[in-house]
Amino acid sequence: MSLLILLAESNDDMVNVTPVLMKFIGKFFVIFAVVAVIAVLTPRIAKGIDRLRAKFEKPAPPEDPRCKQVRGPYDMPEQKGDDASPAEPDAGEDEP
């Protein structure tokens, strides 16, 4: 392998840049290798997490059929049956 040497006016001032370049290129490839490994492992890790979440997922509560009738914030229809809110007293009964 040939050495890269910066030329100078005298032989004493010559600098060998090969070790510096090799360290830089080595760090460069290590960083890209780490990025490549992360890019390959991320989908596999996500698939495992999805399987784990599916195992412990609670079933969704049944949807209230009255919700499909709602068109605005004040449109919720009254519930039918015993669990309905108490009836409001008529204002006309107290008057003579």
Protein backbone atom coordinates (compact mmCIF):
# COMPACT_ATOMS: atom_id res chain seq x y z
CA MET A 1 0.00 0.00 0.00
CA SER A 2 1.39 3.35 -0.94
CA LEU A 3 1.72 6.04 1.68
CA LEU A 4 0.21 9.47 1.28
CA ILE A 5 2.69 12.10 2.29
CA LEU A 6 2.19 15.84 2.24
CA LEU A 7 5.09 17.48 0.52
CA ALA A 8 6.99 20.19 2.29
CA GLU A 9 10.08 22.23 1.59
CA SER A 10 12.28 20.07 3.77
CA ASN A 11 12.16 16.36 4.58
CA ASP A 12 11.74 17.07 8.29
CA ASP A 13 8.44 18.91 7.71
CA MET A 14 6.84 16.09 5.68
CA VAL A 15 3.70 14.66 7.28
CA ASN A 16 2.34 11.16 6.75
CA VAL A 17 -1.46 11.52 6.41
CA THR A 18 -2.21 7.84 5.81
CA PRO A 19 -3.01 6.99 9.47
CA VAL A 20 -5.27 10.03 9.75
CA LEU A 21 -7.16 9.11 6.58
CA MET A 22 -7.46 5.46 7.63
CA LYS A 23 -8.92 6.48 11.00
CA PHE A 24 -11.37 8.82 9.30
CA ILE A 25 -12.45 6.20 6.73
CA GLY A 26 -12.71 3.58 9.48
CA LYS A 27 -14.99 5.79 11.59
CA PHE A 28 -17.01 6.63 8.48
CA PHE A 29 -17.64 2.95 7.70
CA VAL A 30 -18.43 2.12 11.33
CA ILE A 31 -21.08 4.83 11.44
CA PHE A 32 -22.67 3.65 8.20
CA ALA A 33 -22.53 0.02 9.36
CA VAL A 34 -24.42 0.99 12.54
CA VAL A 35 -27.02 2.87 10.47
CA ALA A 36 -27.42 -0.14 8.14
CA VAL A 37 -27.87 -2.54 11.07
CA ILE A 38 -30.47 -0.25 12.64
CA ALA A 39 -32.30 0.00 9.31
CA VAL A 40 -32.43 -3.79 9.01
CA LEU A 41 -33.39 -4.48 12.63
CA THR A 42 -36.06 -1.80 13.05
CA PRO A 43 -38.82 -3.61 11.06
CA ARG A 44 -38.08 -6.87 12.89
CA ILE A 45 -38.26 -5.17 16.28
CA ALA A 46 -41.51 -3.43 15.26
CA LYS A 47 -43.03 -6.75 14.20
CA GLY A 48 -42.15 -8.27 17.57
CA ILE A 49 -43.63 -5.32 19.44
CA ASP A 50 -46.83 -5.58 17.36
CA ARG A 51 -47.14 -9.28 18.25
CA LEU A 52 -46.59 -8.48 21.93
CA ARG A 53 -49.19 -5.69 21.88
CA ALA A 54 -51.72 -7.94 20.12
CA LYS A 55 -51.28 -10.58 22.84
CA PHE A 56 -52.14 -8.12 25.65
CA GLU A 57 -54.68 -5.99 23.81
CA LYS A 58 -58.05 -5.60 25.50
CA PRO A 59 -61.17 -6.08 23.38
CA ALA A 60 -62.86 -2.84 22.39
CA PRO A 61 -66.14 -2.10 24.15
CA PRO A 62 -69.21 -2.47 21.95
CA GLU A 63 -70.20 0.68 20.14
CA ASP A 64 -73.40 2.41 21.23
CA PRO A 65 -75.83 2.27 18.28
CA ARG A 66 -77.21 5.69 19.27
CA CYS A 67 -73.89 7.31 18.33
CA LYS A 68 -74.62 6.84 14.64
CA GLN A 69 -77.69 9.07 15.00
CA VAL A 70 -75.69 12.00 16.40
CA ARG A 71 -75.18 14.88 13.97
CA GLY A 72 -74.00 17.56 16.41
CA PRO A 73 -72.92 18.04 20.03
CA TYR A 74 -76.52 18.26 21.34
CA ASP A 75 -78.15 15.52 19.25
CA MET A 76 -77.60 12.45 21.45
CA PRO A 77 -80.94 10.61 21.69
CA GLU A 78 -82.29 9.60 25.09
CA GLN A 79 -81.68 6.06 26.32
CA LYS A 80 -84.62 3.71 26.40
CA GLY A 81 -85.29 1.52 29.43
CA ASP A 82 -84.63 1.68 33.18
CA ASP A 83 -81.27 3.38 32.95
CA ALA A 84 -82.77 6.53 31.40
CA SER A 85 -82.40 9.82 33.23
CA PRO A 86 -85.31 10.68 35.57
CA ALA A 87 -88.22 12.43 33.88
CA GLU A 88 -88.36 16.16 34.33
CA PRO A 89 -91.45 17.41 36.25
CA ASP A 90 -94.02 19.21 34.12
CA ALA A 91 -94.21 22.92 34.85
CA GLY A 92 -98.00 22.97 34.25
CA GLU A 93 -98.94 20.61 37.14
CA ASP A 94 -98.20 23.07 39.96
CA GLU A 95 -100.29 25.89 38.51
CA PRO A 96 -104.06 26.02 39.30
